[in-house]
Amino acid sequence: TSLRQQIINPLLKRYVQEALETAVPLIRPLWMLDPSDTTCYIVKDEFSVGEEVIVAPILRPGATEREVYLPAGVWKDGIEGSLRKGSRWIHNYKIPLDKIAYFVKMPNNTRF
């Protein structure tokens, strides 16, 4: 099954309903995930889908790497499958041209 079928479609259904009921947007800036994290306010080129997925797109033509900030928590790298600790930057994160960088928030009790 694809990323869309496994993760995106169920999230979209859930967060569209939430948006209709609460007016909280489906696509969110990082600071909405953690309003106490001041770094989240300066990151302008990442977004979250609800609270579970962060997307860090390549915005410069031909670029194959970028800086990625992950808020607090444990995040599963959607490209590599590895777990990454949040509240920190990933420097020079490599992204193949045919991929989109995304990170899925893991349950609070996740260890690595």
PDB file of N, CA and C in Angstrom:
ATOM      1  N   THR A   1       0.834  -1.193   0.000  1.00  0.00           N
ATOM      2  CA  THR A   1       0.000   0.000   0.000  1.00  0.00           C
ATOM      3  C   THR A   1       0.874   1.251   0.000  1.00  0.00           C
ATOM      4  N   SER A   2       0.343   2.299  -0.506  1.00  0.00           N
ATOM      5  CA  SER A   2       1.117   3.527  -0.658  1.00  0.00           C
ATOM      6  C   SER A   2       1.035   4.394   0.592  1.00  0.00           C
ATOM      7  N   LEU A   3       1.923   5.376   0.645  1.00  0.00           N
ATOM      8  CA  LEU A   3       1.911   6.373   1.715  1.00  0.00           C
ATOM      9  C   LEU A   3       0.545   7.032   1.794  1.00  0.00           C
ATOM     10  N   ARG A   4      -0.005   7.333   0.650  1.00  0.00           N
ATOM     11  CA  ARG A   4      -1.314   7.996   0.619  1.00  0.00           C
ATOM     12  C   ARG A   4      -2.379   7.124   1.276  1.00  0.00           C
ATOM     13  N   GLN A   5      -2.415   5.841   0.935  1.00  0.00           N
ATOM     14  CA  GLN A   5      -3.436   4.948   1.493  1.00  0.00           C
ATOM     15  C   GLN A   5      -3.216   4.682   2.978  1.00  0.00           C
ATOM     16  N   GLN A   6      -1.960   4.504   3.377  1.00  0.00           N
ATOM     17  CA  GLN A   6      -1.653   4.146   4.759  1.00  0.00           C
ATOM     18  C   GLN A   6      -1.781   5.316   5.718  1.00  0.00           C
ATOM     19  N   ILE A   7      -1.290   6.472   5.318  1.00  0.00           N
ATOM     20  CA  ILE A   7      -1.170   7.582   6.259  1.00  0.00           C
ATOM     21  C   ILE A   7      -2.006   8.789   5.869  1.00  0.00           C
ATOM     22  N   ILE A   8      -1.827   9.270   4.657  1.00  0.00           N
ATOM     23  CA  ILE A   8      -2.406  10.561   4.280  1.00  0.00           C
ATOM     24  C   ILE A   8      -3.931  10.530   4.239  1.00  0.00           C
ATOM     25  N   ASN A   9      -4.529   9.575   3.540  1.00  0.00           N
ATOM     26  CA  ASN A   9      -5.998   9.555   3.433  1.00  0.00           C
ATOM     27  C   ASN A   9      -6.705   9.474   4.788  1.00  0.00           C
ATOM     28  N   PRO A  10      -6.298   8.565   5.693  1.00  0.00           N
ATOM     29  CA  PRO A  10      -6.956   8.546   7.004  1.00  0.00           C
ATOM     30  C   PRO A  10      -6.767   9.852   7.786  1.00  0.00           C
ATOM     31  N   LEU A  11      -5.557  10.434   7.701  1.00  0.00           N
ATOM     32  CA  LEU A  11      -5.325  11.705   8.392  1.00  0.00           C
ATOM     33  C   LEU A  11      -6.193  12.810   7.823  1.00  0.00           C
ATOM     34  N   LEU A  12      -6.260  12.875   6.502  1.00  0.00           N
ATOM     35  CA  LEU A  12      -7.068  13.923   5.883  1.00  0.00           C
ATOM     36  C   LEU A  12      -8.527  13.810   6.298  1.00  0.00           C
ATOM     37  N   LYS A  13      -9.058  12.604   6.299  1.00  0.00           N
ATOM     38  CA  LYS A  13     -10.456  12.418   6.711  1.00  0.00           C
ATOM     39  C   LYS A  13     -10.674  12.898   8.142  1.00  0.00           C
ATOM     40  N   ARG A  14      -9.769  12.494   9.034  1.00  0.00           N
ATOM     41  CA  ARG A  14      -9.918  12.868  10.435  1.00  0.00           C
ATOM     42  C   ARG A  14      -9.783  14.373  10.641  1.00  0.00           C
ATOM     43  N   TYR A  15      -8.763  14.977  10.013  1.00  0.00           N
ATOM     44  CA  TYR A  15      -8.513  16.394  10.252  1.00  0.00           C
ATOM     45  C   TYR A  15      -9.450  17.308   9.469  1.00  0.00           C
ATOM     46  N   VAL A  16     -10.013  16.847   8.375  1.00  0.00           N
ATOM     47  CA  VAL A  16     -11.055  17.628   7.700  1.00  0.00           C
ATOM     48  C   VAL A  16     -12.264  17.725   8.624  1.00  0.00           C
ATOM     49  N   GLN A  17     -12.633  16.611   9.234  1.00  0.00           N
ATOM     50  CA  GLN A  17     -13.754  16.631  10.177  1.00  0.00           C
ATOM     51  C   GLN A  17     -13.452  17.560  11.350  1.00  0.00           C
ATOM     52  N   GLU A  18     -12.229  17.467  11.888  1.00  0.00           N
ATOM     53  CA  GLU A  18     -11.841  18.347  12.997  1.00  0.00           C
ATOM     54  C   GLU A  18     -11.896  19.812  12.574  1.00  0.00           C
ATOM     55  N   ALA A  19     -11.411  20.108  11.377  1.00  0.00           N
ATOM     56  CA  ALA A  19     -11.427  21.492  10.885  1.00  0.00           C
ATOM     57  C   ALA A  19     -12.855  22.014  10.776  1.00  0.00           C
ATOM     58  N   LEU A  20     -13.750  21.179  10.307  1.00  0.00           N
ATOM     59  CA  LEU A  20     -15.153  21.584  10.199  1.00  0.00           C
ATOM     60  C   LEU A  20     -15.776  21.851  11.569  1.00  0.00           C
ATOM     61  N   GLU A  21     -15.381  21.063  12.551  1.00  0.00           N
ATOM     62  CA  GLU A  21     -15.974  21.190  13.883  1.00  0.00           C
ATOM     63  C   GLU A  21     -15.332  22.272  14.739  1.00  0.00           C
ATOM     64  N   THR A  22     -14.031  22.516  14.552  1.00  0.00           N
ATOM     65  CA  THR A  22     -13.302  23.409  15.467  1.00  0.00           C
ATOM     66  C   THR A  22     -12.656  24.610  14.791  1.00  0.00           C
ATOM     67  N   ALA A  23     -12.605  24.637  13.473  1.00  0.00           N
ATOM     68  CA  ALA A  23     -11.932  25.690  12.697  1.00  0.00           C
ATOM     69  C   ALA A  23     -10.410  25.657  12.845  1.00  0.00           C
ATOM     70  N   VAL A  24      -9.858  24.568  13.387  1.00  0.00           N
ATOM     71  CA  VAL A  24      -8.404  24.386  13.421  1.00  0.00           C
ATOM     72  C   VAL A  24      -7.999  23.894  12.039  1.00  0.00           C
ATOM     73  N   PRO A  25      -7.002  24.535  11.407  1.00  0.00           N
ATOM     74  CA  PRO A  25      -6.670  24.160  10.033  1.00  0.00           C
ATOM     75  C   PRO A  25      -6.115  22.744   9.906  1.00  0.00           C
ATOM     76  N   LEU A  26      -6.348  22.166   8.758  1.00  0.00           N
ATOM     77  CA  LEU A  26      -5.830  20.844   8.412  1.00  0.00           C
ATOM     78  C   LEU A  26      -4.309  20.898   8.250  1.00  0.00           C
ATOM     79  N   ILE A  27      -3.832  21.854   7.470  1.00  0.00           N
ATOM     80  CA  ILE A  27      -2.398  22.075   7.263  1.00  0.00           C
ATOM     81  C   ILE A  27      -1.982  23.162   8.239  1.00  0.00           C
ATOM     82  N   ARG A  28      -0.941  22.864   9.045  1.00  0.00           N
ATOM     83  CA  ARG A  28      -0.603  23.748  10.160  1.00  0.00           C
ATOM     84  C   ARG A  28       0.868  24.147  10.148  1.00  0.00           C
ATOM     85  N   PRO A  29       1.147  25.360  10.624  1.00  0.00           N
ATOM     86  CA  PRO A  29       2.550  25.727  10.836  1.00  0.00           C
ATOM     87  C   PRO A  29       3.090  24.935  12.029  1.00  0.00           C
ATOM     88  N   LEU A  30       4.418  24.788  12.087  1.00  0.00           N
ATOM     89  CA  LEU A  30       5.003  23.985  13.163  1.00  0.00           C
ATOM     90  C   LEU A  30       4.664  24.509  14.550  1.00  0.00           C
ATOM     91  N   TRP A  31       4.562  25.821  14.702  1.00  0.00           N
ATOM     92  CA  TRP A  31       4.323  26.365  16.044  1.00  0.00           C
ATOM     93  C   TRP A  31       3.003  25.880  16.637  1.00  0.00           C
ATOM     94  N   MET A  32       2.076  25.443  15.798  1.00  0.00           N
ATOM     95  CA  MET A  32       0.825  24.903  16.345  1.00  0.00           C
ATOM     96  C   MET A  32       1.050  23.554  17.030  1.00  0.00           C
ATOM     97  N   LEU A  33       2.125  22.848  16.662  1.00  0.00           N
ATOM     98  CA  LEU A  33       2.435  21.577  17.316  1.00  0.00           C
ATOM     99  C   LEU A  33       2.989  21.794  18.716  1.00  0.00           C
ATOM    100  N   ASP A  34       3.776  22.870  18.877  1.00  0.00           N
ATOM    101  CA  ASP A  34       4.395  23.151  20.176  1.00  0.00           C
ATOM    102  C   ASP A  34       4.585  24.656  20.325  1.00  0.00           C
ATOM    103  N   PRO A  35       3.553  25.365  20.790  1.00  0.00           N
ATOM    104  CA  PRO A  35       3.639  26.818  20.919  1.00  0.00           C
ATOM    105  C   PRO A  35       4.743  27.299  21.862  1.00  0.00           C
ATOM    106  N   SER A  36       5.256  26.429  22.730  1.00  0.00           N
ATOM    107  CA  SER A  36       6.329  26.832  23.644  1.00  0.00           C
ATOM    108  C   SER A  36       7.719  26.719  23.019  1.00  0.00           C
ATOM    109  N   ASP A  37       7.834  26.089  21.860  1.00  0.00           N
ATOM    110  CA  ASP A  37       9.122  25.915  21.174  1.00  0.00           C
ATOM    111  C   ASP A  37       9.348  27.103  20.245  1.00  0.00           C
ATOM    112  N   THR A  38      10.222  28.016  20.640  1.00  0.00           N
ATOM    113  CA  THR A  38      10.437  29.244  19.864  1.00  0.00           C
ATOM    114  C   THR A  38      11.018  28.967  18.482  1.00  0.00           C
ATOM    115  N   THR A  39      11.738  27.884  18.319  1.00  0.00           N
ATOM    116  CA  THR A  39      12.285  27.560  16.994  1.00  0.00           C
ATOM    117  C   THR A  39      11.167  27.283  16.002  1.00  0.00           C
ATOM    118  N   CYS A  40      10.079  26.707  16.461  1.00  0.00           N
ATOM    119  CA  CYS A  40       8.953  26.412  15.564  1.00  0.00           C
ATOM    120  C   CYS A  40       8.414  27.674  14.894  1.00  0.00           C
ATOM    121  N   TYR A  41       8.561  28.821  15.535  1.00  0.00           N
ATOM    122  CA  TYR A  41       8.046  30.075  14.977  1.00  0.00           C
ATOM    123  C   TYR A  41       8.893  30.588  13.814  1.00  0.00           C
ATOM    124  N   ILE A  42      10.164  30.210  13.771  1.00  0.00           N
ATOM    125  CA  ILE A  42      11.034  30.723  12.700  1.00  0.00           C
ATOM    126  C   ILE A  42      11.079  29.803  11.487  1.00  0.00           C
ATOM    127  N   VAL A  43      10.603  28.579  11.629  1.00  0.00           N
ATOM    128  CA  VAL A  43      10.610  27.630  10.509  1.00  0.00           C
ATOM    129  C   VAL A  43       9.423  27.954   9.608  1.00  0.00           C
ATOM    130  N   LYS A  44       9.719  28.407   8.400  1.00  0.00           N
ATOM    131  CA  LYS A  44       8.662  28.846   7.476  1.00  0.00           C
ATOM    132  C   LYS A  44       8.453  27.893   6.302  1.00  0.00           C
ATOM    133  N   ASP A  45       9.330  26.898   6.146  1.00  0.00           N
ATOM    134  CA  ASP A  45       9.266  26.039   4.962  1.00  0.00           C
ATOM    135  C   ASP A  45       8.962  24.576   5.290  1.00  0.00           C
ATOM    136  N   GLU A  46       8.334  24.349   6.429  1.00  0.00           N
ATOM    137  CA  GLU A  46       7.824  23.036   6.804  1.00  0.00           C
ATOM    138  C   GLU A  46       6.386  23.235   7.259  1.00  0.00           C
ATOM    139  N   PHE A  47       5.622  22.158   7.229  1.00  0.00           N
ATOM    140  CA  PHE A  47       4.255  22.231   7.730  1.00  0.00           C
ATOM    141  C   PHE A  47       3.856  20.872   8.275  1.00  0.00           C
ATOM    142  N   SER A  48       2.786  20.861   9.039  1.00  0.00           N
ATOM    143  CA  SER A  48       2.288  19.585   9.541  1.00  0.00           C
ATOM    144  C   SER A  48       0.901  19.325   8.971  1.00  0.00           C
ATOM    145  N   VAL A  49       0.595  18.051   8.850  1.00  0.00           N
ATOM    146  CA  VAL A  49      -0.756  17.610   8.521  1.00  0.00           C
ATOM    147  C   VAL A  49      -1.307  17.104   9.846  1.00  0.00           C
ATOM    148  N   GLY A  50      -2.201  17.895  10.429  1.00  0.00           N
ATOM    149  CA  GLY A  50      -2.650  17.586  11.775  1.00  0.00           C
ATOM    150  C   GLY A  50      -1.469  17.630  12.723  1.00  0.00           C
ATOM    151  N   GLU A  51      -1.434  16.705  13.655  1.00  0.00           N
ATOM    152  CA  GLU A  51      -0.348  16.653  14.631  1.00  0.00           C
ATOM    153  C   GLU A  51       0.600  15.486  14.391  1.00  0.00           C
ATOM    154  N   GLU A  52       0.312  14.642  13.400  1.00  0.00           N
ATOM    155  CA  GLU A  52       1.084  13.417  13.229  1.00  0.00           C
ATOM    156  C   GLU A  52       2.154  13.431  12.153  1.00  0.00           C
ATOM    157  N   VAL A  53       2.051  14.303  11.167  1.00  0.00           N
ATOM    158  CA  VAL A  53       2.999  14.260  10.050  1.00  0.00           C
ATOM    159  C   VAL A  53       3.578  15.647   9.812  1.00  0.00           C
ATOM    160  N   ILE A  54       4.908  15.703   9.716  1.00  0.00           N
ATOM    161  CA  ILE A  54       5.592  16.932   9.314  1.00  0.00           C
ATOM    162  C   ILE A  54       6.117  16.708   7.906  1.00  0.00           C
ATOM    163  N   VAL A  55       5.921  17.684   7.053  1.00  0.00           N
ATOM    164  CA  VAL A  55       6.417  17.640   5.680  1.00  0.00           C
ATOM    165  C   VAL A  55       7.462  18.742   5.535  1.00  0.00           C
ATOM    166  N   ALA A  56       8.609  18.370   4.961  1.00  0.00           N
ATOM    167  CA  ALA A  56       9.709  19.310   4.753  1.00  0.00           C
ATOM    168  C   ALA A  56      10.082  19.275   3.271  1.00  0.00           C
ATOM    169  N   PRO A  57       9.355  20.014   2.438  1.00  0.00           N
ATOM    170  CA  PRO A  57       9.585  19.933   0.990  1.00  0.00           C
ATOM    171  C   PRO A  57      10.865  20.637   0.552  1.00  0.00           C
ATOM    172  N   ILE A  58      11.372  20.199  -0.581  1.00  0.00           N
ATOM    173  CA  ILE A  58      12.467  20.908  -1.252  1.00  0.00           C
ATOM    174  C   ILE A  58      11.819  22.052  -2.018  1.00  0.00           C
ATOM    175  N   LEU A  59      12.298  23.259  -1.804  1.00  0.00           N
ATOM    176  CA  LEU A  59      11.700  24.424  -2.451  1.00  0.00           C
ATOM    177  C   LEU A  59      12.609  25.078  -3.488  1.00  0.00           C
ATOM    178  N   ARG A  60      13.876  24.667  -3.526  1.00  0.00           N
ATOM    179  CA  ARG A  60      14.810  25.226  -4.514  1.00  0.00           C
ATOM    180  C   ARG A  60      15.000  24.222  -5.650  1.00  0.00           C
ATOM    181  N   PRO A  61      14.849  24.656  -6.893  1.00  0.00           N
ATOM    182  CA  PRO A  61      15.038  23.743  -8.025  1.00  0.00           C
ATOM    183  C   PRO A  61      16.418  23.078  -7.980  1.00  0.00           C
ATOM    184  N   GLY A  62      16.442  21.769  -8.160  1.00  0.00           N
ATOM    185  CA  GLY A  62      17.686  21.019  -8.220  1.00  0.00           C
ATOM    186  C   GLY A  62      18.301  20.683  -6.878  1.00  0.00           C
ATOM    187  N   ALA A  63      17.767  21.209  -5.791  1.00  0.00           N
ATOM    188  CA  ALA A  63      18.333  20.925  -4.467  1.00  0.00           C
ATOM    189  C   ALA A  63      18.051  19.476  -4.081  1.00  0.00           C
ATOM    190  N   THR A  64      18.982  18.869  -3.369  1.00  0.00           N
ATOM    191  CA  THR A  64      18.817  17.487  -2.917  1.00  0.00           C
ATOM    192  C   THR A  64      19.032  17.350  -1.415  1.00  0.00           C
ATOM    193  N   GLU A  65      19.173  18.477  -0.715  1.00  0.00           N
ATOM    194  CA  GLU A  65      19.281  18.436   0.734  1.00  0.00           C
ATOM    195  C   GLU A  65      18.734  19.725   1.323  1.00  0.00           C
ATOM    196  N   ARG A  66      18.435  19.677   2.610  1.00  0.00           N
ATOM    197  CA  ARG A  66      17.892  20.845   3.294  1.00  0.00           C
ATOM    198  C   ARG A  66      18.062  20.671   4.796  1.00  0.00           C
ATOM    199  N   GLU A  67      17.795  21.722   5.526  1.00  0.00           N
ATOM    200  CA  GLU A  67      17.757  21.676   6.981  1.00  0.00           C
ATOM    201  C   GLU A  67      16.316  21.333   7.374  1.00  0.00           C
ATOM    202  N   VAL A  68      16.157  20.482   8.367  1.00  0.00           N
ATOM    203  CA  VAL A  68      14.827  20.090   8.832  1.00  0.00           C
ATOM    204  C   VAL A  68      14.798  20.262  10.348  1.00  0.00           C
ATOM    205  N   TYR A  69      13.737  20.884  10.848  1.00  0.00           N
ATOM    206  CA  TYR A  69      13.555  20.986  12.294  1.00  0.00           C
ATOM    207  C   TYR A  69      12.393  20.094  12.707  1.00  0.00           C
ATOM    208  N   LEU A  70      12.620  19.310  13.764  1.00  0.00           N
ATOM    209  CA  LEU A  70      11.568  18.460  14.323  1.00  0.00           C
ATOM    210  C   LEU A  70      11.236  18.938  15.730  1.00  0.00           C
ATOM    211  N   PRO A  71       9.971  19.250  16.000  1.00  0.00           N
ATOM    212  CA  PRO A  71       9.564  19.617  17.359  1.00  0.00           C
ATOM    213  C   PRO A  71       9.712  18.432  18.317  1.00  0.00           C
ATOM    214  N   ALA A  72       9.436  18.668  19.580  1.00  0.00           N
ATOM    215  CA  ALA A  72       9.583  17.650  20.624  1.00  0.00           C
ATOM    216  C   ALA A  72       8.857  16.362  20.260  1.00  0.00           C
ATOM    217  N   GLY A  73       9.442  15.265  20.690  1.00  0.00           N
ATOM    218  CA  GLY A  73       8.859  13.952  20.460  1.00  0.00           C
ATOM    219  C   GLY A  73       9.825  13.057  19.714  1.00  0.00           C
ATOM    220  N   VAL A  74       9.345  11.896  19.347  1.00  0.00           N
ATOM    221  CA  VAL A  74      10.101  10.957  18.520  1.00  0.00           C
ATOM    222  C   VAL A  74       9.384  10.878  17.187  1.00  0.00           C
ATOM    223  N   TRP A  75      10.150  11.010  16.113  1.00  0.00           N
ATOM    224  CA  TRP A  75       9.602  11.068  14.763  1.00  0.00           C
ATOM    225  C   TRP A  75      10.211   9.971  13.908  1.00  0.00           C
ATOM    226  N   LYS A  76       9.377   9.297  13.124  1.00  0.00           N
ATOM    227  CA  LYS A  76       9.866   8.279  12.190  1.00  0.00           C
ATOM    228  C   LYS A  76      10.109   8.944  10.847  1.00  0.00           C
ATOM    229  N   ASP A  77      11.313   8.796  10.352  1.00  0.00           N
ATOM    230  CA  ASP A  77      11.712   9.353   9.065  1.00  0.00           C
ATOM    231  C   ASP A  77      11.001   8.581   7.961  1.00  0.00           C
ATOM    232  N   GLY A  78      10.215   9.263   7.157  1.00  0.00           N
ATOM    233  CA  GLY A  78       9.441   8.617   6.108  1.00  0.00           C
ATOM    234  C   GLY A  78      10.264   8.129   4.939  1.00  0.00           C
ATOM    235  N   ILE A  79      11.474   8.637   4.780  1.00  0.00           N
ATOM    236  CA  ILE A  79      12.342   8.182   3.694  1.00  0.00           C
ATOM    237  C   ILE A  79      13.221   7.034   4.168  1.00  0.00           C
ATOM    238  N   GLU A  80      13.899   7.214   5.297  1.00  0.00           N
ATOM    239  CA  GLU A  80      14.857   6.222   5.783  1.00  0.00           C
ATOM    240  C   GLU A  80      14.236   5.166   6.694  1.00  0.00           C
ATOM    241  N   GLY A  81      13.108   5.505   7.332  1.00  0.00           N
ATOM    242  CA  GLY A  81      12.493   4.584   8.274  1.00  0.00           C
ATOM    243  C   GLY A  81      13.096   4.631   9.668  1.00  0.00           C
ATOM    244  N   SER A  82      14.124   5.446   9.864  1.00  0.00           N
ATOM    245  CA  SER A  82      14.779   5.537  11.169  1.00  0.00           C
ATOM    246  C   SER A  82      13.982   6.435  12.110  1.00  0.00           C
ATOM    247  N   LEU A  83      14.234   6.281  13.404  1.00  0.00           N
ATOM    248  CA  LEU A  83      13.605   7.137  14.402  1.00  0.00           C
ATOM    249  C   LEU A  83      14.530   8.302  14.709  1.00  0.00           C
ATOM    250  N   ARG A  84      13.938   9.477  14.889  1.00  0.00           N
ATOM    251  CA  ARG A  84      14.715  10.682  15.170  1.00  0.00           C
ATOM    252  C   ARG A  84      14.107  11.405  16.359  1.00  0.00           C
ATOM    253  N   LYS A  85      14.980  11.869  17.227  1.00  0.00           N
ATOM    254  CA  LYS A  85      14.536  12.627  18.389  1.00  0.00           C
ATOM    255  C   LYS A  85      14.251  14.060  17.975  1.00  0.00           C
ATOM    256  N   GLY A  86      13.171  14.616  18.523  1.00  0.00           N
ATOM    257  CA  GLY A  86      12.774  15.974  18.194  1.00  0.00           C
ATOM    258  C   GLY A  86      13.458  17.022  19.049  1.00  0.00           C
ATOM    259  N   SER A  87      12.984  18.252  18.922  1.00  0.00           N
ATOM    260  CA  SER A  87      13.565  19.439  19.552  1.00  0.00           C
ATOM    261  C   SER A  87      14.977  19.675  19.046  1.00  0.00           C
ATOM    262  N   ARG A  88      15.192  19.364  17.776  1.00  0.00           N
ATOM    263  CA  ARG A  88      16.519  19.565  17.188  1.00  0.00           C
ATOM    264  C   ARG A  88      16.433  19.644  15.671  1.00  0.00           C
ATOM    265  N   TRP A  89      17.514  20.185  15.121  1.00  0.00           N
ATOM    266  CA  TRP A  89      17.667  20.309  13.670  1.00  0.00           C
ATOM    267  C   TRP A  89      18.333  19.067  13.106  1.00  0.00           C
ATOM    268  N   ILE A  90      17.965  18.716  11.895  1.00  0.00           N
ATOM    269  CA  ILE A  90      18.700  17.731  11.095  1.00  0.00           C
ATOM    270  C   ILE A  90      19.390  18.558  10.017  1.00  0.00           C
ATOM    271  N   HIS A  91      20.706  18.602  10.059  1.00  0.00           N
ATOM    272  CA  HIS A  91      21.458  19.409   9.101  1.00  0.00           C
ATOM    273  C   HIS A  91      21.814  18.583   7.867  1.00  0.00           C
ATOM    274  N   ASN A  92      21.783  19.227   6.718  1.00  0.00           N
ATOM    275  CA  ASN A  92      22.152  18.592   5.443  1.00  0.00           C
ATOM    276  C   ASN A  92      21.391  17.285   5.206  1.00  0.00           C
ATOM    277  N   TYR A  93      20.106  17.307   5.479  1.00  0.00           N
ATOM    278  CA  TYR A  93      19.263  16.125   5.288  1.00  0.00           C
ATOM    279  C   TYR A  93      19.101  15.873   3.792  1.00  0.00           C
ATOM    280  N   LYS A  94      19.539  14.716   3.349  1.00  0.00           N
ATOM    281  CA  LYS A  94      19.520  14.363   1.927  1.00  0.00           C
ATOM    282  C   LYS A  94      18.142  13.824   1.531  1.00  0.00           C
ATOM    283  N   ILE A  95      17.647  14.339   0.406  1.00  0.00           N
ATOM    284  CA  ILE A  95      16.335  13.938  -0.094  1.00  0.00           C
ATOM    285  C   ILE A  95      16.467  13.590  -1.575  1.00  0.00           C
ATOM    286  N   PRO A  96      16.214  12.346  -1.953  1.00  0.00           N
ATOM    287  CA  PRO A  96      16.256  11.995  -3.376  1.00  0.00           C
ATOM    288  C   PRO A  96      15.250  12.835  -4.168  1.00  0.00           C
ATOM    289  N   LEU A  97      15.572  13.104  -5.416  1.00  0.00           N
ATOM    290  CA  LEU A  97      14.713  13.954  -6.241  1.00  0.00           C
ATOM    291  C   LEU A  97      13.295  13.408  -6.401  1.00  0.00           C
ATOM    292  N   ASP A  98      13.128  12.101  -6.277  1.00  0.00           N
ATOM    293  CA  ASP A  98      11.799  11.510  -6.460  1.00  0.00           C
ATOM    294  C   ASP A  98      11.044  11.299  -5.141  1.00  0.00           C
ATOM    295  N   LYS A  99      11.526  11.906  -4.054  1.00  0.00           N
ATOM    296  CA  LYS A  99      10.905  11.731  -2.737  1.00  0.00           C
ATOM    297  C   LYS A  99      10.511  13.077  -2.135  1.00  0.00           C
ATOM    298  N   ILE A 100       9.634  13.020  -1.159  1.00  0.00           N
ATOM    299  CA  ILE A 100       9.269  14.176  -0.348  1.00  0.00           C
ATOM    300  C   ILE A 100       9.583  13.812   1.095  1.00  0.00           C
ATOM    301  N   ALA A 101      10.320  14.680   1.769  1.00  0.00           N
ATOM    302  CA  ALA A 101      10.682  14.408   3.161  1.00  0.00           C
ATOM    303  C   ALA A 101       9.459  14.566   4.054  1.00  0.00           C
ATOM    304  N   TYR A 102       9.194  13.530   4.839  1.00  0.00           N
ATOM    305  CA  TYR A 102       8.119  13.615   5.822  1.00  0.00           C
ATOM    306  C   TYR A 102       8.502  12.784   7.039  1.00  0.00           C
ATOM    307  N   PHE A 103       7.915  13.143   8.167  1.00  0.00           N
ATOM    308  CA  PHE A 103       8.222  12.512   9.438  1.00  0.00           C
ATOM    309  C   PHE A 103       6.908  12.260  10.166  1.00  0.00           C
ATOM    310  N   VAL A 104       6.752  11.056  10.693  1.00  0.00           N
ATOM    311  CA  VAL A 104       5.517  10.661  11.368  1.00  0.00           C
ATOM    312  C   VAL A 104       5.783  10.613  12.874  1.00  0.00           C
ATOM    313  N   LYS A 105       4.945  11.307  13.639  1.00  0.00           N
ATOM    314  CA  LYS A 105       5.125  11.325  15.091  1.00  0.00           C
ATOM    315  C   LYS A 105       4.776   9.964  15.669  1.00  0.00           C
ATOM    316  N   MET A 106       5.668   9.485  16.522  1.00  0.00           N
ATOM    317  CA  MET A 106       5.480   8.191  17.166  1.00  0.00           C
ATOM    318  C   MET A 106       4.809   8.391  18.528  1.00  0.00           C
ATOM    319  N   PRO A 107       4.220   7.336  19.090  1.00  0.00           N
ATOM    320  CA  PRO A 107       3.608   7.454  20.419  1.00  0.00           C
ATOM    321  C   PRO A 107       4.631   7.939  21.457  1.00  0.00           C
ATOM    322  N   ASN A 108       4.141   8.593  22.496  1.00  0.00           N
ATOM    323  CA  ASN A 108       5.024   9.181  23.512  1.00  0.00           C
ATOM    324  C   ASN A 108       5.937   8.180  24.194  1.00  0.00           C
ATOM    325  N   ASN A 109       5.563   6.918  24.246  1.00  0.00           N
ATOM    326  CA  ASN A 109       6.386   5.920  24.933  1.00  0.00           C
ATOM    327  C   ASN A 109       7.397   5.245  24.007  1.00  0.00           C
ATOM    328  N   THR A 110       7.563   5.742  22.788  1.00  0.00           N
ATOM    329  CA  THR A 110       8.499   5.143  21.832  1.00  0.00           C
ATOM    330  C   THR A 110       9.930   5.374  22.290  1.00  0.00           C
ATOM    331  N   ARG A 111      10.727   4.315  22.277  1.00  0.00           N
ATOM    332  CA  ARG A 111      12.149   4.405  22.632  1.00  0.00           C
ATOM    333  C   ARG A 111      12.973   4.006  21.422  1.00  0.00           C
ATOM    334  N   PHE A 112      14.187   4.548  21.403  1.00  0.00           N
ATOM    335  CA  PHE A 112      15.119   4.131  20.343  1.00  0.00           C
ATOM    336  C   PHE A 112      16.530   4.217  20.830  1.00  0.00           C
TER     337      PHE A 112
END
